[in-house]
Protein backbone atom coordinates (compact mmCIF):
# COMPACT_ATOMS: atom_id res chain seq x y z
CA MET A 1 -218.08 -33.44 96.68
CA ALA A 2 -215.61 -30.40 97.52
CA PRO A 3 -212.37 -30.07 95.80
CA THR A 4 -209.29 -31.31 97.66
CA ILE A 5 -206.74 -28.63 98.38
CA PRO A 6 -203.33 -29.52 98.40
CA PRO A 7 -201.28 -28.62 101.53
CA PRO A 8 -199.17 -24.96 101.16
CA LEU A 9 -195.59 -25.58 99.80
CA PRO A 10 -192.96 -25.24 102.36
CA PRO A 11 -190.52 -22.04 102.60
CA PRO A 12 -187.23 -22.29 100.58
CA GLU A 13 -185.55 -22.48 103.80
CA ALA A 14 -187.01 -25.85 105.05
CA GLU A 15 -186.67 -27.58 101.46
CA ALA A 16 -184.49 -30.76 101.65
CA GLY A 17 -181.00 -29.87 100.24
CA ALA A 18 -181.58 -26.09 100.23
CA ARG A 19 -177.94 -24.34 99.97
CA PRO A 20 -177.85 -22.19 103.37
CA ARG A 21 -177.44 -18.39 102.74
CA VAL A 22 -174.12 -16.76 102.94
CA SER A 23 -173.75 -13.38 104.32
CA ALA A 24 -172.09 -10.73 101.85
CA ARG A 25 -169.11 -10.92 104.47
CA GLY A 26 -168.89 -14.17 103.89
CA ARG A 27 -168.97 -14.17 99.94
CA LEU A 28 -166.58 -11.42 100.13
CA ARG A 29 -163.94 -13.57 102.34
CA THR A 30 -164.71 -16.46 99.46
CA TYR A 31 -163.88 -14.29 96.80
CA PHE A 32 -160.58 -12.70 98.51
CA LEU A 33 -159.25 -16.11 99.26
CA THR A 34 -159.73 -17.50 95.91
CA GLY A 35 -158.08 -14.62 94.40
CA ILE A 36 -155.22 -15.15 96.63
CA ILE A 37 -155.12 -18.57 95.76
CA VAL A 38 -154.95 -17.97 91.94
CA SER A 39 -152.62 -14.42 92.15
CA GLY A 40 -150.39 -15.58 94.67
CA PRO A 41 -148.42 -18.43 92.89
CA LEU A 42 -148.89 -16.48 89.61
CA ALA A 43 -147.19 -13.13 91.03
CA ILE A 44 -144.63 -14.80 92.69
CA THR A 45 -143.45 -17.18 89.72
CA ILE A 46 -143.57 -13.60 87.65
CA TYR A 47 -141.49 -11.73 90.65
CA LEU A 48 -138.90 -14.71 90.81
CA THR A 49 -138.46 -14.94 87.15
CA TRP A 50 -138.18 -11.20 86.58
CA TRP A 51 -135.67 -10.95 89.25
CA PHE A 52 -133.52 -13.92 87.65
CA ILE A 53 -133.52 -12.17 84.30
CA SER A 54 -132.49 -8.50 85.59
CA LEU A 55 -129.77 -10.04 87.51
CA ILE A 56 -128.29 -11.96 84.60
CA ASP A 57 -128.68 -9.01 82.53
CA GLY A 58 -126.79 -6.77 85.05
CA TRP A 59 -123.92 -9.34 84.69
CA VAL A 60 -124.02 -10.07 81.14
CA LYS A 61 -124.86 -6.55 79.56
CA PRO A 62 -121.89 -4.35 81.14
CA LEU A 63 -119.51 -7.22 79.58
CA VAL A 64 -120.60 -6.15 75.87
CA PRO A 65 -119.93 -3.27 73.97
CA ALA A 66 -122.94 -0.91 74.00
CA SER A 67 -122.46 -0.42 70.37
CA TYR A 68 -123.11 -4.40 69.81
CA LEU A 69 -126.68 -3.74 71.95
CA PRO A 70 -129.99 -3.17 70.73
CA ASP A 71 -130.64 -1.16 73.69
CA HIS A 72 -128.19 1.51 72.50
CA TYR A 73 -130.52 2.01 69.34
CA LEU A 74 -133.57 1.78 70.81
CA PRO A 75 -135.52 4.08 73.34
CA PHE A 76 -136.19 1.29 75.78
CA SER A 77 -134.55 -1.72 76.89
CA ILE A 78 -134.83 -5.16 76.09
CA PRO A 79 -135.51 -7.54 79.38
CA GLY A 80 -133.70 -10.98 78.87
CA LEU A 81 -131.26 -10.01 76.31
CA GLY A 82 -128.14 -10.72 78.62
CA LEU A 83 -129.71 -13.88 79.33
CA LEU A 84 -129.77 -14.91 75.95
CA ILE A 85 -126.09 -14.04 75.36
CA ALA A 86 -125.05 -15.70 78.78
CA PHE A 87 -126.87 -19.05 76.95
CA VAL A 88 -125.31 -19.00 74.06
CA ALA A 89 -121.87 -18.10 75.53
CA VAL A 90 -122.13 -21.12 77.81
CA THR A 91 -123.41 -23.40 75.19
CA LEU A 92 -120.65 -22.42 72.84
CA LEU A 93 -118.23 -22.84 75.49
CA GLY A 94 -119.29 -26.29 76.03
CA PHE A 95 -118.93 -27.16 72.46
CA LEU A 96 -115.56 -25.56 72.06
CA THR A 97 -114.82 -27.89 75.27
CA ALA A 98 -115.85 -31.20 74.04
CA ASN A 99 -113.25 -30.98 70.88
CA LEU A 100 -109.32 -31.04 70.96
CA VAL A 101 -108.62 -27.67 70.60
CA GLY A 102 -111.07 -26.31 73.65
CA ARG A 103 -109.74 -29.24 75.83
CA SER A 104 -106.38 -27.89 75.58
CA VAL A 105 -107.29 -24.42 76.18
CA VAL A 106 -109.50 -25.23 79.44
CA GLU A 107 -106.34 -27.63 80.39
CA PHE A 108 -104.00 -24.38 80.14
CA GLY A 109 -106.07 -22.16 81.97
CA GLU A 110 -106.39 -24.77 84.84
CA VAL A 111 -102.80 -25.06 84.88
CA LEU A 112 -102.28 -21.68 85.41
CA LEU A 113 -105.14 -21.73 87.87
CA ALA A 114 -103.69 -24.45 89.91
CA ARG A 115 -100.12 -22.72 90.36
CA THR A 116 -102.30 -19.41 91.75
CA PRO A 117 -102.25 -19.42 95.75
CA VAL A 118 -105.62 -19.64 97.33
CA ILE A 119 -107.68 -19.39 94.08
CA SER A 120 -106.23 -22.94 93.00
CA GLY A 121 -107.99 -24.63 96.10
CA LEU A 122 -111.21 -22.39 95.63
CA TYR A 123 -111.33 -23.34 91.92
CA LYS A 124 -110.81 -27.07 92.55
CA GLY A 125 -113.55 -27.41 95.30
CA LEU A 126 -116.06 -25.86 93.19
CA ARG A 127 -115.48 -27.61 90.04
CA GLN A 128 -115.78 -30.97 91.98
CA ILE A 129 -119.24 -29.58 93.22
CA PHE A 130 -120.36 -28.62 89.74
CA GLU A 131 -119.22 -31.85 88.33
CA THR A 132 -120.87 -34.01 91.01
CA LEU A 133 -124.37 -32.09 90.72
CA PHE A 134 -124.55 -31.27 86.99
CA SER A 135 -123.05 -34.85 85.54
CA ALA A 136 -125.12 -36.60 83.44
CA ASN A 137 -124.16 -39.93 85.12
CA GLY A 138 -124.00 -38.61 88.62
CA THR A 139 -126.27 -39.97 91.44
CA SER A 140 -125.72 -37.54 94.26
CA PHE A 141 -128.75 -35.89 95.75
CA ARG A 142 -130.98 -37.80 93.04
CA THR A 143 -132.40 -40.59 95.65
CA VAL A 144 -134.79 -39.90 98.49
CA GLY A 145 -134.41 -41.70 101.63
CA LEU A 146 -136.02 -42.03 105.50
CA VAL A 147 -133.89 -42.03 108.53
CA GLU A 148 -135.03 -42.12 112.10
CA PHE A 149 -134.23 -38.34 113.32
CA PRO A 150 -133.99 -36.54 115.82
CA VAL A 151 -135.23 -39.29 118.02
CA LYS A 152 -135.80 -42.86 117.71
CA GLY A 153 -139.49 -43.39 116.23
CA THR A 154 -139.53 -40.20 114.25
CA TRP A 155 -138.62 -40.16 110.71
CA SER A 156 -137.05 -37.47 108.30
CA VAL A 157 -136.90 -36.96 104.57
CA VAL A 158 -133.01 -37.04 103.47
CA PHE A 159 -131.21 -36.92 100.03
CA LEU A 160 -128.37 -39.35 99.56
CA SER A 161 -125.16 -37.89 98.89
CA ALA A 162 -121.85 -39.43 97.81
CA PRO A 163 -120.25 -42.85 99.66
CA ALA A 164 -117.94 -41.93 102.45
CA ALA A 165 -114.66 -41.20 101.54
CA PRO A 166 -112.15 -44.37 102.27
CA ASP A 167 -110.37 -42.07 104.88
CA VAL A 168 -113.85 -41.17 106.57
CA GLN A 169 -114.97 -44.85 106.08
CA ASN A 170 -112.07 -46.17 108.14
CA ALA A 171 -112.67 -43.81 111.05
CA LEU A 172 -115.96 -44.67 111.46
CA ALA A 173 -116.08 -48.34 110.62
CA PRO A 174 -113.31 -50.37 108.69
CA GLY A 175 -114.87 -52.44 106.14
CA GLY A 176 -118.72 -50.67 106.67
CA ASP A 177 -120.81 -48.84 104.28
CA HIS A 178 -121.16 -45.19 105.26
CA VAL A 179 -123.09 -42.82 102.99
CA GLY A 180 -123.48 -38.96 103.42
CA VAL A 181 -127.19 -37.87 103.61
CA PHE A 182 -128.47 -34.24 103.80
CA LEU A 183 -131.57 -33.87 105.70
CA PRO A 184 -133.12 -30.48 104.78
CA CYS A 185 -135.13 -28.31 106.82
CA ALA A 186 -138.42 -27.09 106.41
CA PRO A 187 -139.56 -24.67 104.89
CA ASN A 188 -136.51 -23.60 103.28
CA PRO A 189 -134.57 -27.04 102.19
CA THR A 190 -131.34 -25.21 100.83
CA THR A 191 -130.29 -25.32 104.92
CA GLY A 192 -130.38 -28.33 106.78
CA PHE A 193 -127.89 -31.04 108.32
CA PHE A 194 -125.18 -33.20 106.62
CA PHE A 195 -124.13 -36.52 108.17
CA TYR A 196 -122.89 -39.93 107.59
CA LEU A 197 -124.87 -42.88 108.34
CA PRO A 198 -124.70 -46.80 107.86
CA ARG A 199 -126.59 -47.65 104.63
CA THR A 200 -128.63 -50.17 106.55
CA ASP A 201 -130.26 -47.47 108.73
CA ILE A 202 -131.47 -45.74 105.51
CA VAL A 203 -134.58 -46.52 103.80
CA GLU A 204 -134.64 -45.53 100.01
CA ILE A 205 -137.90 -44.54 98.85
CA ALA A 206 -139.20 -44.28 95.43
CA MET A 207 -139.96 -40.46 95.38
CA SER A 208 -138.68 -38.00 93.00
CA VAL A 209 -136.25 -35.39 94.29
CA ASP A 210 -138.98 -32.63 93.33
CA ASP A 211 -141.70 -34.02 95.22
CA ALA A 212 -139.62 -34.84 98.32
CA ALA A 213 -138.59 -30.93 98.12
CA LYS A 214 -142.43 -29.91 97.96
CA LEU A 215 -143.11 -32.14 100.90
CA VAL A 216 -140.29 -30.67 102.67
CA MET A 217 -141.21 -27.12 101.69
CA SER A 218 -144.72 -27.56 102.63
CA ALA A 219 -144.38 -29.11 105.85
CA GLY A 220 -146.15 -32.04 104.58
CA VAL A 221 -149.29 -30.32 103.53
CA ILE A 222 -148.27 -31.17 100.02
CA GLN A 223 -148.07 -34.84 99.03
CA PRO A 224 -146.37 -36.45 96.07
CA ASP A 225 -148.50 -37.00 93.17
CA ASP A 226 -148.52 -40.68 92.90
CA LEU A 227 -148.94 -41.12 97.10
CA GLY A 228 -151.93 -39.73 98.82
CA ALA A 229 -151.74 -38.80 102.41
CA LYS A 230 -153.17 -42.40 103.53
CA ASP A 231 -151.15 -44.41 101.12
CA SER A 232 -148.18 -42.51 101.98
CA GLN A 233 -148.45 -42.88 105.69
CA THR A 234 -149.27 -46.64 104.89
CA LYS A 235 -145.87 -46.94 102.87
CA PHE A 236 -143.88 -45.02 105.40
CA GLN A 237 -144.97 -47.31 108.39
CA ALA A 238 -144.44 -50.50 106.25
CA MET A 239 -140.89 -49.16 105.33
CA ALA A 240 -140.32 -48.55 108.72
CA ALA A 241 -141.26 -52.26 109.91
CA ASN A 242 -138.84 -53.21 107.66
CA LEU A 243 -135.99 -51.59 109.01
CA ARG A 244 -136.88 -52.68 112.64
CA ALA A 245 -136.88 -56.14 111.07
CA ALA A 246 -133.51 -55.65 109.58
CA HIS A 247 -132.15 -54.38 113.10
CA GLY A 248 -133.86 -57.74 114.79
CA GLU A 249 -136.04 -55.64 116.76
CA PRO A 250 -139.62 -56.91 117.40
CA PRO A 251 -142.39 -55.71 115.06
CA LYS A 252 -144.26 -52.68 116.84
CA VAL A 253 -148.11 -53.78 117.81
CA ASP A 254 -150.77 -50.92 117.85
CA ALA A 255 -152.61 -50.93 121.12
């Protein structure tokens, strides 16, 4: 009986699950894009860090006598020395201000500034802003919300500011509860719109300010870590339904 000859093996391209061949141009494009993804954020981070250090050094070093700087005795400049000096000086100022002697000196300086035309108004305004933003117990711009803007049915991310002042509140609706909100623009969240809204028109969400800023800067591409894209959309729709129910509107039924 003649032996059975097995059928010839199929070529590699015909095997199930075989990887398609990629041209040299395709591989080169893939490698280039991968390099951009890896090096781009790193390069921008290094550039911004270096720019900030150089900026602070340029402000602080001219205020220090050259004989006290190591750069005066070394053939090269030490980057970050001005930033270190500024950090130590600001920390020392905070320590001195915390005691009685430091408070007395600061109060004396504030009295002098309060009696100086033009400068007094500028200083008071800036101090109020810094106290509001950097106070340990402050709440401004630490809460994220959703409002219907620019038209009904569309939702925008906002940061909650302080409640409306009594004069503003009485002018809008006596006895009401209006809150200042800041609506950042994408992709630059440092620009945007500020307006007052009734608190009932604001849907507060459990999202950190950092995640909200990433969401705005990426125009929705980068979702918060604790919310997937699908889960985020579901929660936003549920919040919108709750807001419509609070306004007495009928629930929206999908066709």
